[in-house]
C-alpha cells in the first residue's frame, strides 16, 4: 500500500469527484483513478461508488476513511517528532479558504512562507464557505480563512481577526439602483437578493448578509445562495436578482456587465478571520504558518481589523 494511494483516496472522499481531487493534488485524473483502484484491489473491497454523481463512498469506504486519515496523521506526527530531534520544524498544514482568498492571496502566502520554512508544506483546500467550519471540526483542515459570521455558532473553533473589507451591491445596468452613488441598505427592501453560500440554487441568504439586513431591520425579497462568485455575477447580469459580494470577490470575478456600488451604511463590512479547532494536530507547524498569515501583507481593498492577537497559541485573540 502506497502513501500516494491514500492521499488520492482522501482527496476523492473530500471532493466527491476524481477531477477535483486531481486538481487539488496536482495529478492527472487517470493517476488518481488508478491509485484508488489499486487501493481497492489490495483491500478487496469497493471504496467509491462511481455509478452516481457526485461519486460517494461505500460503507467500506466510510470505514476506511477514518483509518486512512489516522495513518497519514500518524506519519506526519512521526516526521514532526524526528524533525524536532534535529532542531527543525516539519509538517503539512492544510489551509481551507473561501474562494475570494484562495487565489492570489493564498498563492502569495505560500510562496513567501516556503522561502523561510523549507520543511513545512502548505496545502490549500477550497470549498463552499459554509463547509469550512465542518472541515476544521473533522480535522480535514488545520486552519481556515473565512468570514467571522460562519464561525460564530461553532464554540469548538477559535479564531483571530485578519481583515475587514466592504460589501458591494451588484445590479444590471438598467436597474433602478444603477445610477446611485451609494446604496442605503433600506433600498434593497423587497428586492430579490443573490449572495454567496452553500450551493447553486439554495434558498435564503448567507449568514453574514442575513445578519446585516436583520440588524438594519430591512426585509429583502426572495434570497438565493450560489457557490461561485462568478455564478452570482452571471445571475445579476441576467436580471435574476441584486447581488451582494465582498470587495475581494468582486475583484476576483471582474464583475463584467454589471454595475458595482458601495453601500452607504458602515455596517456593510465583511470581517474575515483565521480559524482553527481547539484540538490541534502538528501544532508547531500550524503555529508557524498561522503567525505568518496574521502578519502578512493584506489583500488590496481590505483594511486590518482592530482586534489584536496571534494564532492558535493565543487564547486572548479567540472569538
Protein backbone atom coordinates (compact mmCIF):
# COMPACT_ATOMS: atom_id res chain seq x y z
CA UNK A 1 0.00 0.00 0.00
CA UNK A 2 1.49 3.33 -1.10
CA UNK A 3 1.00 6.72 0.53
CA UNK A 4 0.02 8.20 -2.83
CA UNK A 5 -2.91 5.80 -2.92
CA UNK A 6 -4.11 7.08 0.44
CA UNK A 7 -3.75 10.77 -0.44
CA UNK A 8 -5.65 10.23 -3.70
CA UNK A 9 -8.42 8.36 -1.86
CA UNK A 10 -8.72 11.09 0.78
CA UNK A 11 -8.92 13.79 -1.88
CA UNK A 12 -11.70 11.91 -3.71
CA UNK A 13 -13.54 11.44 -0.41
CA UNK A 14 -13.25 15.16 0.35
CA UNK A 15 -14.33 16.47 -3.05
CA UNK A 16 -16.65 13.64 -4.14
CA UNK A 17 -15.00 14.00 -7.53
CA UNK A 18 -11.98 12.40 -9.20
CA UNK A 19 -11.40 15.53 -11.30
CA UNK A 20 -11.49 17.91 -8.32
CA UNK A 21 -9.23 15.55 -6.36
CA UNK A 22 -6.72 15.52 -9.21
CA UNK A 23 -6.77 19.32 -9.43
CA UNK A 24 -6.14 19.65 -5.69
CA UNK A 25 -3.25 17.18 -5.77
CA UNK A 26 -1.71 18.43 -8.99
CA UNK A 27 -2.09 14.98 -10.57
CA UNK A 28 -3.79 13.86 -13.76
CA UNK A 29 -7.24 12.38 -13.22
CA UNK A 30 -6.24 8.98 -14.59
CA UNK A 31 -3.50 8.70 -11.96
CA UNK A 32 -5.94 9.43 -9.13
CA UNK A 33 -8.39 6.84 -10.51
CA UNK A 34 -5.56 4.33 -10.78
CA UNK A 35 -4.48 4.93 -7.18
CA UNK A 36 -8.00 4.36 -5.83
CA UNK A 37 -8.45 1.25 -7.99
CA UNK A 38 -5.16 -0.23 -6.75
CA UNK A 39 -6.15 0.51 -3.16
CA UNK A 40 -9.49 -1.24 -3.69
CA UNK A 41 -7.76 -4.29 -5.20
CA UNK A 42 -5.34 -4.54 -2.29
CA UNK A 43 -8.13 -4.23 0.29
CA UNK A 44 -10.52 -6.47 -1.63
CA UNK A 45 -13.46 -4.06 -1.32
CA UNK A 46 -15.04 -1.24 -3.32
CA UNK A 47 -14.37 2.10 -1.61
CA UNK A 48 -16.00 4.54 -4.05
CA UNK A 49 -19.38 4.24 -5.78
CA UNK A 50 -18.64 5.58 -9.27
CA UNK A 51 -22.15 4.97 -10.62
CA UNK A 52 -23.57 8.15 -9.07
CA UNK A 53 -22.72 11.84 -9.48
CA UNK A 54 -21.17 13.17 -7.43
CA UNK A 55 -19.35 9.97 -6.52
CA UNK A 56 -19.76 8.79 -2.95
CA UNK A 57 -18.06 6.45 -0.53
CA UNK A 58 -19.41 2.97 0.04
CA UNK A 59 -19.89 1.65 3.57
CA UNK A 60 -16.40 0.15 3.34
CA UNK A 61 -15.10 3.48 2.07
CA UNK A 62 -16.57 5.38 5.01
CA UNK A 63 -14.97 2.92 7.44
CA UNK A 64 -11.60 3.03 5.70
CA UNK A 65 -11.68 6.84 5.51
CA UNK A 66 -11.03 7.19 9.23
CA UNK A 67 -8.20 4.65 9.11
CA UNK A 68 -6.55 6.41 6.18
CA UNK A 69 -6.69 9.76 7.98
CA UNK A 70 -5.14 8.17 11.07
CA UNK A 71 -2.30 6.65 9.04
CA UNK A 72 -1.34 9.95 7.42
CA UNK A 73 -1.73 11.88 10.68
CA UNK A 74 0.50 9.38 12.50
CA UNK A 75 3.11 9.60 9.76
CA UNK A 76 3.04 13.39 9.84
CA UNK A 77 3.43 13.35 13.64
CA UNK A 78 6.38 10.96 13.35
CA UNK A 79 8.06 13.22 10.82
CA UNK A 80 7.48 16.23 13.07
CA UNK A 81 8.97 14.40 16.08
CA UNK A 82 12.06 13.37 14.12
CA UNK A 83 12.44 16.90 12.80
CA UNK A 84 12.23 18.21 16.37
CA UNK A 85 15.17 15.99 17.29
CA UNK A 86 17.13 17.71 14.53
CA UNK A 87 16.04 21.11 15.79
CA UNK A 88 13.79 21.81 12.80
CA UNK A 89 10.03 22.04 12.26
CA UNK A 90 8.43 19.64 9.80
CA UNK A 91 4.87 19.05 8.73
CA UNK A 92 1.94 19.67 6.43
CA UNK A 93 -0.51 22.50 7.09
CA UNK A 94 -3.91 22.25 5.41
CA UNK A 95 -5.40 25.69 4.81
CA UNK A 96 -9.08 25.87 3.85
CA UNK A 97 -10.00 29.10 2.09
CA UNK A 98 -13.08 30.94 0.96
CA UNK A 99 -12.84 31.40 -2.79
CA UNK A 100 -12.01 35.11 -2.71
CA UNK A 101 -8.88 34.42 -0.64
CA UNK A 102 -7.83 31.15 -2.27
CA UNK A 103 -6.29 32.67 -5.36
CA UNK A 104 -3.76 35.48 -5.34
CA UNK A 105 -3.62 35.97 -1.56
CA UNK A 106 -3.11 32.29 -0.68
CA UNK A 107 -0.64 31.79 -3.53
CA UNK A 108 1.44 34.74 -2.38
CA UNK A 109 1.36 33.48 1.21
CA UNK A 110 2.55 30.00 0.29
CA UNK A 111 5.29 31.31 -1.98
CA UNK A 112 6.72 33.63 0.67
CA UNK A 113 6.29 31.14 3.50
CA UNK A 114 8.10 28.45 1.51
CA UNK A 115 11.14 30.70 1.22
CA UNK A 116 11.57 30.83 5.00
CA UNK A 117 10.15 27.44 6.08
CA UNK A 118 11.53 24.79 3.74
CA UNK A 119 10.24 21.78 5.72
CA UNK A 120 6.60 22.84 6.08
CA UNK A 121 4.26 22.07 3.20
CA UNK A 122 1.06 24.13 2.91
CA UNK A 123 -1.92 22.68 1.05
CA UNK A 124 -4.82 24.93 0.04
CA UNK A 125 -8.27 23.36 0.24
CA UNK A 126 -11.23 25.06 -1.41
CA UNK A 127 -14.92 24.53 -0.85
CA UNK A 128 -18.16 26.42 -0.29
CA UNK A 129 -17.62 28.84 2.58
CA UNK A 130 -20.38 27.23 4.64
CA UNK A 131 -18.47 23.91 4.66
CA UNK A 132 -15.18 25.29 6.00
CA UNK A 133 -16.10 25.17 9.73
CA UNK A 134 -17.02 21.48 9.36
CA UNK A 135 -13.70 20.80 7.63
CA UNK A 136 -12.00 22.18 10.75
CA UNK A 137 -14.25 20.14 13.03
CA UNK A 138 -13.49 16.91 11.15
CA UNK A 139 -9.75 17.73 11.13
CA UNK A 140 -9.77 17.78 7.34
CA UNK A 141 -8.17 21.24 7.60
CA UNK A 142 -5.85 22.76 10.20
CA UNK A 143 -6.68 26.40 9.53
CA UNK A 144 -9.34 28.27 7.58
CA UNK A 145 -9.70 31.78 6.20
CA UNK A 146 -13.39 32.66 6.20
CA UNK A 147 -15.94 35.28 7.31
CA UNK A 148 -16.38 35.63 11.06
CA UNK A 149 -20.13 35.07 10.71
CA UNK A 150 -19.52 31.45 9.70
CA UNK A 151 -17.65 30.51 12.90
CA UNK A 152 -19.96 32.32 15.33
CA UNK A 153 -22.02 29.18 16.02
CA UNK A 154 -19.06 26.82 16.42
CA UNK A 155 -17.79 27.09 20.03
CA UNK A 156 -15.24 24.35 19.35
CA UNK A 157 -13.43 26.69 16.95
CA UNK A 158 -11.18 29.61 17.79
CA UNK A 159 -10.24 32.49 15.54
CA UNK A 160 -8.21 35.66 15.18
CA UNK A 161 -9.18 38.67 13.07
CA UNK A 162 -7.36 39.19 9.78
CA UNK A 163 -9.01 41.97 7.81
CA UNK A 164 -12.20 43.87 7.07
CA UNK A 165 -13.48 44.51 3.56
CA UNK A 166 -16.55 46.35 2.31
CA UNK A 167 -19.56 44.56 0.88
CA UNK A 168 -20.73 45.74 -2.53
CA UNK A 169 -24.06 45.87 -4.35
CA UNK A 170 -24.19 44.43 -7.88
CA UNK A 171 -27.02 45.34 -10.26
CA UNK A 172 -27.66 45.18 -14.02
CA UNK A 173 -27.04 48.48 -15.86
CA UNK A 174 -30.79 49.08 -16.33
CA UNK A 175 -31.67 48.56 -12.65
CA UNK A 176 -33.18 51.45 -10.70
CA UNK A 177 -30.18 51.49 -8.31
CA UNK A 178 -27.54 51.60 -11.05
CA UNK A 179 -27.33 55.40 -11.14
CA UNK A 180 -26.87 55.85 -7.38
CA UNK A 181 -23.50 56.88 -5.90
CA UNK A 182 -24.04 54.65 -2.86
CA UNK A 183 -26.88 52.40 -1.75
CA UNK A 184 -28.58 52.53 1.67
CA UNK A 185 -29.42 49.07 2.99
CA UNK A 186 -33.09 50.04 3.03
CA UNK A 187 -33.09 50.38 -0.76
CA UNK A 188 -32.85 46.59 -1.02
CA UNK A 189 -36.14 46.08 0.84
CA UNK A 190 -38.32 43.76 -1.21
CA UNK A 191 -35.56 43.05 -3.75
CA UNK A 192 -34.59 39.51 -4.72
CA UNK A 193 -31.04 39.18 -3.39
CA UNK A 194 -28.32 36.77 -4.52
CA UNK A 195 -25.46 36.04 -2.12
CA UNK A 196 -22.53 33.61 -1.91
CA UNK A 197 -23.39 30.49 0.04
CA UNK A 198 -23.55 26.73 0.24
CA UNK A 199 -24.64 25.80 -3.24
CA UNK A 200 -26.29 26.72 -6.51
CA UNK A 201 -29.96 27.48 -6.07
CA UNK A 202 -30.04 27.20 -2.26
CA UNK A 203 -32.73 29.40 -0.73
CA UNK A 204 -32.10 32.14 1.80
CA UNK A 205 -29.16 34.47 2.38
CA UNK A 206 -25.64 33.79 3.57
CA UNK A 207 -25.29 34.20 7.38
CA UNK A 208 -23.25 37.41 7.35
CA UNK A 209 -25.53 39.17 4.87
CA UNK A 210 -28.71 37.95 6.56
CA UNK A 211 -27.39 39.29 9.88
CA UNK A 212 -26.56 42.65 8.27
CA UNK A 213 -30.09 43.10 6.94
CA UNK A 214 -31.65 41.88 10.20
CA UNK A 215 -29.63 44.39 12.24
CA UNK A 216 -30.84 47.17 9.95
CA UNK A 217 -34.43 45.87 10.14
CA UNK A 218 -34.57 45.50 6.36
CA UNK A 219 -36.78 42.83 4.81
CA UNK A 220 -35.48 41.77 1.42
CA UNK A 221 -37.41 39.66 -1.05
CA UNK A 222 -36.53 36.14 -2.11
CA UNK A 223 -32.98 35.14 -1.27
CA UNK A 224 -30.81 32.77 -3.24
CA UNK A 225 -27.32 31.43 -2.47
CA UNK A 226 -24.81 30.35 -5.10
CA UNK A 227 -21.49 28.59 -4.58
CA UNK A 228 -19.43 30.66 -7.02
CA UNK A 229 -18.99 34.46 -7.16
CA UNK A 230 -18.81 34.09 -10.95
CA UNK A 231 -22.25 32.44 -10.94
CA UNK A 232 -23.57 35.28 -8.80
CA UNK A 233 -22.36 37.87 -11.32
CA UNK A 234 -23.96 35.89 -14.16
CA UNK A 235 -27.30 35.79 -12.33
CA UNK A 236 -27.19 39.54 -11.66
CA UNK A 237 -26.28 40.22 -15.29
CA UNK A 238 -29.32 38.15 -16.34
CA UNK A 239 -31.61 40.19 -14.09
CA UNK A 240 -32.31 37.39 -11.61
CA UNK A 241 -31.60 39.49 -8.54
CA UNK A 242 -29.45 42.10 -6.84
CA UNK A 243 -26.08 40.69 -5.81
CA UNK A 244 -24.16 41.31 -2.61
CA UNK A 245 -20.46 40.42 -2.72
CA UNK A 246 -17.33 41.31 -0.81
CA UNK A 247 -14.71 43.57 -2.38
CA UNK A 248 -12.27 40.68 -2.89
CA UNK A 249 -14.92 38.55 -4.56
CA UNK A 250 -15.83 41.42 -6.89
CA UNK A 251 -12.18 41.76 -7.89
CA UNK A 252 -11.94 38.00 -8.39
CA UNK A 253 -14.81 37.99 -10.89
CA UNK A 254 -14.09 41.25 -12.68
CA UNK A 255 -17.87 41.92 -12.49
CA UNK A 256 -18.18 42.34 -16.28
CA UNK A 257 -21.57 43.56 -17.46
CA UNK A 258 -22.86 44.67 -14.05
CA UNK A 259 -22.70 47.88 -12.02
CA UNK A 260 -20.84 47.66 -8.69
CA UNK A 261 -21.90 50.12 -6.00
CA UNK A 262 -20.82 50.78 -2.39
CA UNK A 263 -23.26 50.53 0.48
CA UNK A 264 -23.96 53.77 2.29
CA UNK A 265 -24.06 52.01 5.67
CA UNK A 266 -20.85 51.46 7.65
CA UNK A 267 -22.19 48.09 8.85
CA UNK A 268 -21.85 46.62 5.35
CA UNK A 269 -18.48 45.06 6.07
CA UNK A 270 -17.14 41.51 5.95
CA UNK A 271 -14.97 40.59 8.94
CA UNK A 272 -12.50 37.92 7.86
CA UNK A 273 -10.79 35.64 10.38
CA UNK A 274 -8.27 32.83 10.59
CA UNK A 275 -9.93 29.93 12.42
CA UNK A 276 -8.71 26.61 13.83
CA UNK A 277 -10.04 23.77 16.02
CA UNK A 278 -9.25 23.86 19.74
CA UNK A 279 -7.73 20.39 19.42
CA UNK A 280 -4.77 20.96 17.15
CA UNK A 281 -2.56 18.49 15.31
CA UNK A 282 1.03 19.21 14.28
CA UNK A 283 0.81 22.30 16.46
CA UNK A 284 4.29 23.72 15.80
CA UNK A 285 3.96 23.79 12.01
CA UNK A 286 0.41 25.15 12.24
CA UNK A 287 1.53 27.84 14.69
CA UNK A 288 4.38 28.97 12.46
CA UNK A 289 2.14 29.29 9.45
CA UNK A 290 -0.70 30.98 11.36
CA UNK A 291 1.74 33.58 12.72
CA UNK A 292 2.88 34.18 9.15
CA UNK A 293 -0.71 34.63 7.93
CA UNK A 294 -1.60 37.09 10.70
CA UNK A 295 1.43 39.27 9.96
CA UNK A 296 1.19 39.02 6.15
CA UNK A 297 0.52 41.92 3.81
CA UNK A 298 -3.22 42.38 3.42
CA UNK A 299 -5.01 41.85 0.11
CA UNK A 300 -5.69 45.03 -1.84
CA UNK A 301 -9.08 46.52 -1.00
CA UNK A 302 -9.01 45.44 2.66
CA UNK A 303 -8.01 47.04 5.96
CA UNK A 304 -6.57 45.37 9.03
CA UNK A 305 -9.12 44.50 11.71
CA UNK A 306 -8.81 46.24 15.04
CA UNK A 307 -8.54 43.05 17.13
CA UNK A 308 -5.10 42.08 18.35
CA UNK A 309 -3.62 38.66 18.96
CA UNK A 310 -1.68 35.91 17.28
CA UNK A 311 -2.67 32.49 16.04
CA UNK A 312 -3.57 29.20 17.68
CA UNK A 313 -1.35 29.62 20.76
CA UNK A 314 -3.15 32.78 21.91
CA UNK A 315 -6.46 32.33 23.72
CA UNK A 316 -6.92 36.06 24.22
CA UNK A 317 -7.48 36.51 20.48
CA UNK A 318 -10.19 33.87 20.16
CA UNK A 319 -13.75 34.50 19.16
